[in-house]
Amino acid sequence: MPLNSHYYVVVQFALLVVLLIATVYFSTKYVRTQKKMMEYLKMLESLAETHASLAQQFERNLAEREEIIKGLVKLLDERIEAARELGERLREISESAMNVEKNAMGDISVNPEHEKIVRLARRGLSARRIAQYFQKPLGEIELILGLYGIPTSDNPSD
């Protein structure tokens, strides 16, 4: 066998070994890449499961809060309606009280000054204070109060 031919076989053998080593290297690299891709895929699947779980929990919490809000709105509407009814009842009572006061005062509404004097006395002002306010004699104020049945000696505010 000539030397050249032997050399040619050795070179072919070396190339074959290099090719074999390259194939093994790239195969292992491919396998490692595949493993990493599988790991990433598993992580993505895990994230997707976590996301789905969180989304379901969020939906449940949202539904609960919607029910709470609906209940609060209903309760608030009921209380607003109750407040309206109380306001209406208060207005009726106030009107009734004003009618009772007008009936009790008799003809005071004929004389607005007498009406003011009687109201001040009913609020607790003394005849002396009322006389000072209207700049009238004390006797006149006591007479007006007496006409409407309001005692003057019991008015404590001086």
N, C-alpha and C. Protein backbone atom coordinates (compact mmCIF):
# COMPACT_ATOMS: atom_id res chain seq x y z
N MET A 1 0.84 -1.15 0.00
CA MET A 1 0.00 0.00 0.00
C MET A 1 0.89 1.22 0.00
N PRO A 2 0.64 2.06 -0.88
CA PRO A 2 1.47 3.24 -0.94
C PRO A 2 1.20 4.15 0.24
N LEU A 3 2.14 4.98 0.49
CA LEU A 3 2.10 5.88 1.64
C LEU A 3 0.97 6.90 1.49
N ASN A 4 0.77 7.32 0.34
CA ASN A 4 -0.28 8.28 0.07
C ASN A 4 -1.65 7.71 0.39
N SER A 5 -1.80 6.53 0.07
CA SER A 5 -3.06 5.89 0.28
C SER A 5 -3.30 5.70 1.78
N HIS A 6 -2.22 5.36 2.45
CA HIS A 6 -2.34 5.21 3.89
C HIS A 6 -2.67 6.57 4.54
N TYR A 7 -2.02 7.54 4.08
CA TYR A 7 -2.28 8.89 4.57
C TYR A 7 -3.73 9.27 4.30
N TYR A 8 -4.21 8.92 3.13
CA TYR A 8 -5.57 9.22 2.74
C TYR A 8 -6.55 8.51 3.66
N VAL A 9 -6.32 7.30 4.07
CA VAL A 9 -7.19 6.53 4.95
C VAL A 9 -7.18 7.15 6.35
N VAL A 10 -5.99 7.58 6.80
CA VAL A 10 -5.90 8.20 8.13
C VAL A 10 -6.69 9.51 8.14
N VAL A 11 -6.56 10.28 7.09
CA VAL A 11 -7.29 11.55 7.02
C VAL A 11 -8.78 11.27 6.99
N GLN A 12 -9.18 10.28 6.23
CA GLN A 12 -10.60 9.95 6.19
C GLN A 12 -11.08 9.50 7.57
N PHE A 13 -10.24 8.71 8.23
CA PHE A 13 -10.59 8.25 9.55
C PHE A 13 -10.69 9.43 10.52
N ALA A 14 -9.76 10.37 10.44
CA ALA A 14 -9.78 11.54 11.31
C ALA A 14 -11.02 12.39 11.04
N LEU A 15 -11.33 12.54 9.76
CA LEU A 15 -12.54 13.31 9.41
C LEU A 15 -13.79 12.61 9.93
N LEU A 16 -13.76 11.31 9.85
CA LEU A 16 -14.89 10.55 10.36
C LEU A 16 -15.03 10.73 11.87
N VAL A 17 -13.93 10.72 12.60
CA VAL A 17 -13.94 10.92 14.05
C VAL A 17 -14.44 12.34 14.36
N VAL A 18 -13.93 13.33 13.62
CA VAL A 18 -14.37 14.72 13.84
C VAL A 18 -15.86 14.82 13.57
N LEU A 19 -16.31 14.22 12.50
CA LEU A 19 -17.73 14.24 12.16
C LEU A 19 -18.54 13.55 13.24
N LEU A 20 -18.02 12.44 13.76
CA LEU A 20 -18.70 11.73 14.83
C LEU A 20 -18.75 12.59 16.09
N ILE A 21 -17.65 13.23 16.43
CA ILE A 21 -17.61 14.10 17.62
C ILE A 21 -18.59 15.27 17.44
N ALA A 22 -18.60 15.88 16.27
CA ALA A 22 -19.52 17.00 16.00
C ALA A 22 -20.96 16.53 16.10
N THR A 23 -21.24 15.36 15.59
CA THR A 23 -22.60 14.83 15.66
C THR A 23 -23.01 14.61 17.11
N VAL A 24 -22.13 14.03 17.90
CA VAL A 24 -22.42 13.80 19.31
C VAL A 24 -22.60 15.13 20.03
N TYR A 25 -21.71 16.08 19.75
CA TYR A 25 -21.78 17.39 20.40
C TYR A 25 -23.11 18.07 20.09
N PHE A 26 -23.45 18.14 18.81
CA PHE A 26 -24.69 18.82 18.43
C PHE A 26 -25.92 18.05 18.87
N SER A 27 -25.82 16.74 18.93
CA SER A 27 -26.94 15.93 19.41
C SER A 27 -27.20 16.21 20.89
N THR A 28 -26.11 16.24 21.68
CA THR A 28 -26.30 16.53 23.11
C THR A 28 -26.79 17.96 23.31
N LYS A 29 -26.27 18.86 22.48
CA LYS A 29 -26.73 20.24 22.58
C LYS A 29 -28.21 20.32 22.21
N TYR A 30 -28.62 19.59 21.20
CA TYR A 30 -30.01 19.55 20.78
C TYR A 30 -30.88 18.98 21.90
N VAL A 31 -30.38 17.90 22.54
CA VAL A 31 -31.12 17.27 23.63
C VAL A 31 -31.25 18.24 24.80
N ARG A 32 -30.14 18.93 25.14
CA ARG A 32 -30.20 19.93 26.23
C ARG A 32 -31.20 21.04 25.88
N THR A 33 -31.17 21.48 24.64
CA THR A 33 -32.11 22.53 24.20
C THR A 33 -33.55 22.02 24.31
N GLN A 34 -33.76 20.79 23.92
CA GLN A 34 -35.10 20.20 24.03
C GLN A 34 -35.53 20.12 25.49
N LYS A 35 -34.59 19.75 26.37
CA LYS A 35 -34.91 19.67 27.80
C LYS A 35 -35.28 21.05 28.34
N LYS A 36 -34.50 22.06 27.96
CA LYS A 36 -34.81 23.43 28.41
C LYS A 36 -36.16 23.87 27.87
N MET A 37 -36.41 23.55 26.61
CA MET A 37 -37.70 23.91 26.05
C MET A 37 -38.83 23.22 26.80
N MET A 38 -38.65 21.99 27.19
CA MET A 38 -39.66 21.26 27.96
C MET A 38 -39.84 21.91 29.34
N GLU A 39 -38.72 22.31 29.96
CA GLU A 39 -38.80 22.99 31.25
C GLU A 39 -39.58 24.30 31.11
N TYR A 40 -39.27 25.06 30.06
CA TYR A 40 -39.99 26.33 29.82
C TYR A 40 -41.46 26.07 29.55
N LEU A 41 -41.73 25.02 28.81
CA LEU A 41 -43.11 24.66 28.53
C LEU A 41 -43.85 24.30 29.81
N LYS A 42 -43.19 23.53 30.70
CA LYS A 42 -43.81 23.17 31.98
C LYS A 42 -44.05 24.42 32.83
N MET A 43 -43.07 25.36 32.82
CA MET A 43 -43.26 26.60 33.57
C MET A 43 -44.43 27.40 33.01
N LEU A 44 -44.54 27.45 31.68
CA LEU A 44 -45.66 28.16 31.07
C LEU A 44 -46.99 27.50 31.42
N GLU A 45 -47.01 26.17 31.42
CA GLU A 45 -48.23 25.46 31.80
C GLU A 45 -48.59 25.76 33.25
N SER A 46 -47.58 25.77 34.12
CA SER A 46 -47.81 26.08 35.53
C SER A 46 -48.35 27.51 35.68
N LEU A 47 -47.75 28.43 34.95
CA LEU A 47 -48.24 29.82 34.99
C LEU A 47 -49.67 29.92 34.47
N ALA A 48 -49.96 29.17 33.43
CA ALA A 48 -51.32 29.18 32.89
C ALA A 48 -52.32 28.64 33.91
N GLU A 49 -51.94 27.56 34.61
CA GLU A 49 -52.81 27.00 35.65
C GLU A 49 -53.01 28.00 36.79
N THR A 50 -51.91 28.64 37.21
CA THR A 50 -52.00 29.65 38.27
C THR A 50 -52.89 30.80 37.83
N HIS A 51 -52.72 31.22 36.59
CA HIS A 51 -53.53 32.32 36.05
C HIS A 51 -55.01 31.94 36.04
N ALA A 52 -55.31 30.73 35.61
CA ALA A 52 -56.69 30.27 35.58
C ALA A 52 -57.28 30.22 36.98
N SER A 53 -56.49 29.73 37.93
CA SER A 53 -56.95 29.66 39.32
C SER A 53 -57.21 31.06 39.87
N LEU A 54 -56.29 31.97 39.62
CA LEU A 54 -56.47 33.35 40.09
C LEU A 54 -57.67 34.01 39.42
N ALA A 55 -57.86 33.74 38.15
CA ALA A 55 -59.00 34.31 37.43
C ALA A 55 -60.32 33.81 38.03
N GLN A 56 -60.38 32.51 38.37
CA GLN A 56 -61.59 31.97 38.99
C GLN A 56 -61.82 32.59 40.36
N GLN A 57 -60.76 32.71 41.13
CA GLN A 57 -60.88 33.31 42.46
C GLN A 57 -61.32 34.77 42.34
N PHE A 58 -60.76 35.48 41.39
CA PHE A 58 -61.14 36.87 41.17
C PHE A 58 -62.62 36.97 40.80
N GLU A 59 -63.07 36.07 39.93
CA GLU A 59 -64.48 36.07 39.52
C GLU A 59 -65.40 35.81 40.72
N ARG A 60 -65.00 34.86 41.58
CA ARG A 60 -65.81 34.58 42.78
C ARG A 60 -65.84 35.80 43.70
N ASN A 61 -64.67 36.40 43.93
CA ASN A 61 -64.62 37.59 44.79
C ASN A 61 -65.44 38.73 44.21
N LEU A 62 -65.35 38.89 42.91
CA LEU A 62 -66.12 39.94 42.24
C LEU A 62 -67.62 39.70 42.40
N ALA A 63 -68.03 38.47 42.22
CA ALA A 63 -69.45 38.13 42.38
C ALA A 63 -69.91 38.38 43.81
N GLU A 64 -69.07 38.00 44.79
CA GLU A 64 -69.42 38.25 46.20
C GLU A 64 -69.57 39.75 46.46
N ARG A 65 -68.64 40.51 45.95
CA ARG A 65 -68.68 41.96 46.17
C ARG A 65 -69.88 42.60 45.48
N GLU A 66 -70.23 42.09 44.32
CA GLU A 66 -71.42 42.59 43.64
C GLU A 66 -72.66 42.34 44.48
N GLU A 67 -72.73 41.15 45.08
CA GLU A 67 -73.88 40.83 45.94
C GLU A 67 -73.90 41.73 47.17
N ILE A 68 -72.74 41.98 47.75
CA ILE A 68 -72.65 42.87 48.91
C ILE A 68 -73.10 44.27 48.52
N ILE A 69 -72.63 44.74 47.38
CA ILE A 69 -73.00 46.09 46.93
C ILE A 69 -74.50 46.17 46.67
N LYS A 70 -75.05 45.14 46.03
CA LYS A 70 -76.50 45.13 45.78
C LYS A 70 -77.26 45.19 47.10
N GLY A 71 -76.79 44.41 48.09
CA GLY A 71 -77.45 44.44 49.40
C GLY A 71 -77.35 45.80 50.06
N LEU A 72 -76.17 46.42 49.96
CA LEU A 72 -75.99 47.75 50.55
C LEU A 72 -76.86 48.78 49.85
N VAL A 73 -76.95 48.70 48.53
CA VAL A 73 -77.79 49.64 47.79
C VAL A 73 -79.25 49.46 48.18
N LYS A 74 -79.68 48.21 48.31
CA LYS A 74 -81.05 47.93 48.73
C LYS A 74 -81.31 48.51 50.12
N LEU A 75 -80.38 48.26 51.04
CA LEU A 75 -80.50 48.78 52.40
C LEU A 75 -80.53 50.30 52.40
N LEU A 76 -79.65 50.89 51.61
CA LEU A 76 -79.61 52.35 51.51
C LEU A 76 -80.92 52.89 50.95
N ASP A 77 -81.45 52.25 49.91
CA ASP A 77 -82.74 52.67 49.35
C ASP A 77 -83.85 52.59 50.40
N GLU A 78 -83.83 51.51 51.18
CA GLU A 78 -84.85 51.35 52.23
C GLU A 78 -84.73 52.46 53.26
N ARG A 79 -83.49 52.76 53.63
CA ARG A 79 -83.30 53.82 54.64
C ARG A 79 -83.65 55.19 54.10
N ILE A 80 -83.36 55.43 52.83
CA ILE A 80 -83.74 56.70 52.22
C ILE A 80 -85.26 56.82 52.20
N GLU A 81 -85.93 55.74 51.85
CA GLU A 81 -87.39 55.76 51.83
C GLU A 81 -87.93 55.99 53.24
N ALA A 82 -87.33 55.33 54.23
CA ALA A 82 -87.76 55.53 55.62
C ALA A 82 -87.53 56.98 56.05
N ALA A 83 -86.40 57.55 55.63
CA ALA A 83 -86.13 58.96 55.97
C ALA A 83 -87.15 59.88 55.29
N ARG A 84 -87.50 59.56 54.05
CA ARG A 84 -88.54 60.37 53.37
C ARG A 84 -89.86 60.29 54.12
N GLU A 85 -90.21 59.06 54.52
CA GLU A 85 -91.47 58.89 55.25
C GLU A 85 -91.42 59.64 56.58
N LEU A 86 -90.28 59.55 57.27
CA LEU A 86 -90.16 60.29 58.53
C LEU A 86 -90.24 61.79 58.30
N GLY A 87 -89.59 62.26 57.22
CA GLY A 87 -89.65 63.68 56.90
C GLY A 87 -91.07 64.12 56.62
N GLU A 88 -91.79 63.30 55.87
CA GLU A 88 -93.19 63.61 55.56
C GLU A 88 -94.03 63.61 56.84
N ARG A 89 -93.78 62.62 57.68
CA ARG A 89 -94.52 62.54 58.96
C ARG A 89 -94.18 63.75 59.84
N LEU A 90 -92.90 64.13 59.87
CA LEU A 90 -92.48 65.29 60.64
C LEU A 90 -93.15 66.56 60.12
N ARG A 91 -93.23 66.68 58.79
CA ARG A 91 -93.90 67.85 58.21
C ARG A 91 -95.37 67.87 58.60
N GLU A 92 -96.01 66.69 58.57
CA GLU A 92 -97.42 66.62 58.97
C GLU A 92 -97.59 67.00 60.43
N ILE A 93 -96.70 66.49 61.28
CA ILE A 93 -96.78 66.81 62.72
C ILE A 93 -96.55 68.29 62.93
N SER A 94 -95.58 68.85 62.21
CA SER A 94 -95.29 70.27 62.34
C SER A 94 -96.48 71.11 61.91
N GLU A 95 -97.10 70.74 60.80
CA GLU A 95 -98.28 71.48 60.35
C GLU A 95 -99.41 71.34 61.36
N SER A 96 -99.55 70.13 61.90
CA SER A 96 -100.59 69.90 62.90
C SER A 96 -100.32 70.75 64.15
N ALA A 97 -99.06 70.80 64.57
CA ALA A 97 -98.71 71.60 65.74
C ALA A 97 -98.96 73.09 65.49
N MET A 98 -98.66 73.53 64.27
CA MET A 98 -98.90 74.93 63.95
C MET A 98 -100.40 75.23 63.97
N ASN A 99 -101.20 74.28 63.48
CA ASN A 99 -102.65 74.47 63.52
C ASN A 99 -103.16 74.50 64.94
N VAL A 100 -102.61 73.61 65.79
CA VAL A 100 -103.01 73.59 67.20
C VAL A 100 -102.63 74.90 67.85
N GLU A 101 -101.41 75.39 67.56
CA GLU A 101 -100.96 76.65 68.14
C GLU A 101 -101.84 77.80 67.68
N LYS A 102 -102.18 77.81 66.41
CA LYS A 102 -103.04 78.89 65.90
C LYS A 102 -104.42 78.81 66.55
N ASN A 103 -104.94 77.59 66.70
CA ASN A 103 -106.26 77.44 67.35
C ASN A 103 -106.19 77.86 68.82
N ALA A 104 -105.08 77.54 69.47
CA ALA A 104 -104.93 77.90 70.88
C ALA A 104 -104.78 79.40 71.05
N MET A 105 -104.20 80.04 70.05
CA MET A 105 -103.98 81.48 70.14
C MET A 105 -105.23 82.27 69.78
N GLY A 106 -106.18 81.59 69.22
CA GLY A 106 -107.44 82.27 68.90
C GLY A 106 -107.25 83.34 67.85
N ASP A 107 -107.60 84.56 68.22
CA ASP A 107 -107.57 85.68 67.27
C ASP A 107 -106.23 86.39 67.24
N ILE A 108 -105.19 85.79 67.73
CA ILE A 108 -103.89 86.45 67.72
C ILE A 108 -103.46 86.76 66.30
N SER A 109 -103.81 85.88 65.38
CA SER A 109 -103.39 86.09 64.00
C SER A 109 -103.96 87.39 63.44
N VAL A 110 -105.00 87.92 64.11
CA VAL A 110 -105.55 89.20 63.67
C VAL A 110 -104.54 90.31 63.96
N ASN A 111 -103.80 90.16 65.08
CA ASN A 111 -102.82 91.16 65.47
C ASN A 111 -101.44 90.51 65.47
N PRO A 112 -100.62 90.78 64.44
CA PRO A 112 -99.31 90.14 64.36
C PRO A 112 -98.40 90.46 65.54
N GLU A 113 -98.54 91.65 66.12
CA GLU A 113 -97.70 92.00 67.26
C GLU A 113 -98.05 91.14 68.47
N HIS A 114 -99.36 90.92 68.68
CA HIS A 114 -99.79 90.04 69.77
C HIS A 114 -99.27 88.63 69.56
N GLU A 115 -99.31 88.16 68.30
CA GLU A 115 -98.82 86.83 67.98
C GLU A 115 -97.34 86.71 68.35
N LYS A 116 -96.55 87.72 68.03
CA LYS A 116 -95.12 87.70 68.37
C LYS A 116 -94.91 87.71 69.88
N ILE A 117 -95.69 88.50 70.57
CA ILE A 117 -95.56 88.59 72.04
C ILE A 117 -95.87 87.25 72.69
N VAL A 118 -96.95 86.60 72.24
CA VAL A 118 -97.34 85.32 72.80
C VAL A 118 -96.29 84.26 72.49
N ARG A 119 -95.76 84.25 71.29
CA ARG A 119 -94.73 83.27 70.93
C ARG A 119 -93.48 83.44 71.79
N LEU A 120 -93.06 84.69 72.00
CA LEU A 120 -91.87 84.92 72.83
C LEU A 120 -92.11 84.46 74.26
N ALA A 121 -93.31 84.69 74.76
CA ALA A 121 -93.64 84.26 76.12
C ALA A 121 -93.65 82.73 76.21
N ARG A 122 -94.18 82.08 75.19
CA ARG A 122 -94.21 80.61 75.19
C ARG A 122 -92.82 80.03 75.07
N ARG A 123 -91.91 80.78 74.51
CA ARG A 123 -90.52 80.32 74.42
C ARG A 123 -89.75 80.57 75.72
N GLY A 124 -90.38 81.22 76.67
CA GLY A 124 -89.75 81.38 77.97
C GLY A 124 -89.27 82.78 78.30
N LEU A 125 -89.46 83.75 77.41
CA LEU A 125 -89.05 85.12 77.72
C LEU A 125 -90.01 85.73 78.74
N SER A 126 -89.49 86.50 79.66
CA SER A 126 -90.33 87.13 80.68
C SER A 126 -91.08 88.32 80.08
N ALA A 127 -92.14 88.68 80.78
CA ALA A 127 -92.93 89.83 80.33
C ALA A 127 -92.05 91.09 80.30
N ARG A 128 -91.15 91.23 81.25
CA ARG A 128 -90.25 92.40 81.30
C ARG A 128 -89.36 92.46 80.06
N ARG A 129 -88.78 91.32 79.67
CA ARG A 129 -87.91 91.28 78.47
C ARG A 129 -88.72 91.60 77.21
N ILE A 130 -89.90 91.04 77.15
CA ILE A 130 -90.75 91.29 75.98
C ILE A 130 -91.09 92.78 75.92
N ALA A 131 -91.40 93.37 77.06
CA ALA A 131 -91.73 94.81 77.10
C ALA A 131 -90.54 95.64 76.64
N GLN A 132 -89.35 95.27 77.08
CA GLN A 132 -88.14 95.98 76.65
C GLN A 132 -87.95 95.83 75.14
N TYR A 133 -88.17 94.64 74.63
CA TYR A 133 -87.96 94.37 73.21
C TYR A 133 -88.92 95.21 72.35
N PHE A 134 -90.19 95.23 72.74
CA PHE A 134 -91.19 95.97 71.96
C PHE A 134 -91.29 97.45 72.37
N GLN A 135 -90.55 97.82 73.41
CA GLN A 135 -90.57 99.18 73.95
C GLN A 135 -92.00 99.60 74.30
N LYS A 136 -92.64 98.73 75.08
CA LYS A 136 -94.01 98.97 75.55
C LYS A 136 -94.01 98.85 77.07
N PRO A 137 -94.97 99.42 77.70
CA PRO A 137 -95.05 99.31 79.16
C PRO A 137 -95.27 97.85 79.58
N LEU A 138 -94.70 97.49 80.72
CA LEU A 138 -94.82 96.14 81.24
C LEU A 138 -96.28 95.75 81.44
N GLY A 139 -97.08 96.65 81.90
CA GLY A 139 -98.50 96.37 82.14
C GLY A 139 -99.23 95.98 80.86
N GLU A 140 -98.88 96.64 79.76
CA GLU A 140 -99.54 96.32 78.48
C GLU A 140 -99.18 94.89 78.04
N ILE A 141 -97.89 94.53 78.19
CA ILE A 141 -97.46 93.18 77.82
C ILE A 141 -98.15 92.15 78.71
N GLU A 142 -98.23 92.44 80.03
CA GLU A 142 -98.90 91.51 80.94
C GLU A 142 -100.37 91.37 80.60
N LEU A 143 -101.00 92.45 80.19
CA LEU A 143 -102.42 92.42 79.80
C LEU A 143 -102.60 91.54 78.56
N ILE A 144 -101.74 91.73 77.55
CA ILE A 144 -101.84 90.92 76.32
C ILE A 144 -101.65 89.45 76.65
N LEU A 145 -100.65 89.14 77.47
CA LEU A 145 -100.40 87.74 77.82
C LEU A 145 -101.57 87.17 78.63
N GLY A 146 -102.15 87.98 79.49
CA GLY A 146 -103.29 87.54 80.29
C GLY A 146 -104.50 87.25 79.42
N LEU A 147 -104.69 88.04 78.35
CA LEU A 147 -105.82 87.80 77.45
C LEU A 147 -105.74 86.41 76.81
N TYR A 148 -104.54 85.93 76.63
CA TYR A 148 -104.37 84.63 75.98
C TYR A 148 -104.04 83.53 76.98
N GLY A 149 -104.26 83.79 78.24
CA GLY A 149 -104.11 82.77 79.26
C GLY A 149 -102.66 82.38 79.55
N ILE A 150 -101.74 83.29 79.35
CA ILE A 150 -100.34 83.00 79.63
C ILE A 150 -99.96 83.71 80.92
N PRO A 151 -99.60 82.95 81.96
CA PRO A 151 -99.24 83.59 83.24
C PRO A 151 -97.93 84.38 83.09
N THR A 152 -97.89 85.53 83.75
CA THR A 152 -96.69 86.37 83.61
C THR A 152 -95.72 86.21 84.77
N SER A 153 -96.20 85.80 85.91
CA SER A 153 -95.29 85.68 87.06
C SER A 153 -94.40 84.45 86.95
N ASP A 154 -94.77 83.46 86.11
CA ASP A 154 -94.00 82.22 86.00
C ASP A 154 -92.97 82.27 84.87
N ASN A 155 -92.87 83.38 84.15
CA ASN A 155 -91.89 83.46 83.07
C ASN A 155 -90.52 83.76 83.68
N PRO A 156 -89.63 82.77 83.71
CA PRO A 156 -88.37 82.90 84.44
C PRO A 156 -87.30 83.70 83.75
N SER A 157 -87.29 83.84 82.44
CA SER A 157 -86.17 84.47 81.75
C SER A 157 -86.18 85.97 81.96
N ASP A 158 -85.18 86.46 82.68
CA ASP A 158 -85.05 87.92 82.88
C ASP A 158 -83.74 88.39 82.35
